[in-house]
Amino acid sequence: MTSSDGSSSKKGLPMSCSRVEDCGDSSKGKAMMWGSEVEELSERLKILEEETQIMEEAFFGSLEERKIQ
């Protein structure tokens, strides 16, 4: 789908490409690049979730200590 100015509604794809499969070999490299970016972001998210869990435990632990005192 294109917008009124003729640009593609999907960023990074040529105007004639609505899906990765439609663009031939040139998009395979982009798809692989996007795939590796997704993997990298997934790993970063996992790390952030683990750190959040640790901080939550420390925070709630300190609240419990204050409640006891």
Protein backbone atom coordinates (compact mmCIF):
# COMPACT_ATOMS: atom_id res chain seq x y z
CA MET A 1 0.00 0.00 0.00
CA THR A 2 1.31 3.46 -0.82
CA SER A 3 0.53 6.77 0.82
CA SER A 4 -0.76 9.82 -1.03
CA ASP A 5 2.79 11.04 -1.68
CA GLY A 6 3.65 7.76 -3.44
CA SER A 7 5.99 6.43 -0.77
CA SER A 8 5.73 2.95 0.58
CA SER A 9 3.79 2.52 3.81
CA LYS A 10 6.44 0.06 5.02
CA LYS A 11 9.64 1.90 5.85
CA GLY A 12 12.78 0.67 4.15
CA LEU A 13 11.05 -1.15 1.31
CA PRO A 14 10.98 0.12 -2.26
CA MET A 15 7.61 1.42 -3.41
CA SER A 16 6.88 -1.72 -5.41
CA CYS A 17 7.56 -4.06 -2.48
CA SER A 18 4.76 -4.77 -0.08
CA ARG A 19 6.34 -7.91 1.41
CA VAL A 20 9.85 -9.33 1.60
CA GLU A 21 8.97 -12.16 -0.81
CA ASP A 22 7.89 -9.65 -3.48
CA CYS A 23 11.28 -7.99 -3.78
CA GLY A 24 13.51 -10.85 -4.89
CA ASP A 25 17.13 -11.41 -3.88
CA SER A 26 17.87 -7.83 -2.84
CA SER A 27 15.44 -8.11 0.06
CA LYS A 28 16.93 -11.36 1.37
CA GLY A 29 19.88 -9.45 2.76
CA LYS A 30 17.52 -6.94 4.36
CA ALA A 31 15.41 -9.72 5.81
CA MET A 32 18.50 -11.38 7.26
CA MET A 33 19.66 -8.03 8.65
CA TRP A 34 16.24 -7.41 10.18
CA GLY A 35 16.26 -10.95 11.56
CA SER A 36 19.61 -10.40 13.25
CA GLU A 37 18.36 -7.06 14.64
CA VAL A 38 15.31 -8.84 16.03
CA GLU A 39 17.54 -11.45 17.66
CA GLU A 40 19.77 -8.73 19.13
CA LEU A 41 16.78 -6.79 20.46
CA SER A 42 15.30 -9.99 21.86
CA GLU A 43 18.51 -10.71 23.75
CA ARG A 44 18.67 -7.13 25.06
CA LEU A 45 15.04 -7.39 26.19
CA LYS A 46 15.79 -10.66 28.00
CA ILE A 47 18.67 -9.00 29.85
CA LEU A 48 16.52 -6.00 30.78
CA GLU A 49 13.75 -8.28 32.04
CA GLU A 50 16.26 -10.17 34.20
CA GLU A 51 17.66 -6.92 35.59
CA THR A 52 14.14 -5.66 36.26
CA GLN A 53 13.34 -8.82 38.20
CA ILE A 54 16.47 -8.38 40.33
CA MET A 55 15.64 -4.71 41.02
CA GLU A 56 12.03 -5.57 41.90
CA GLU A 57 13.20 -8.20 44.39
CA ALA A 58 15.63 -5.74 45.97
CA PHE A 59 12.99 -2.99 46.10
CA PHE A 60 10.28 -5.16 47.64
CA GLY A 61 12.83 -6.66 50.00
CA SER A 62 13.73 -3.20 51.26
CA LEU A 63 10.04 -2.37 51.67
CA GLU A 64 9.58 -5.51 53.78
CA GLU A 65 12.58 -4.54 55.94
CA ARG A 66 11.10 -1.07 56.53
CA LYS A 67 7.72 -2.57 57.37
CA ILE A 68 9.30 -4.88 59.96
CA GLN A 69 11.31 -2.10 61.64
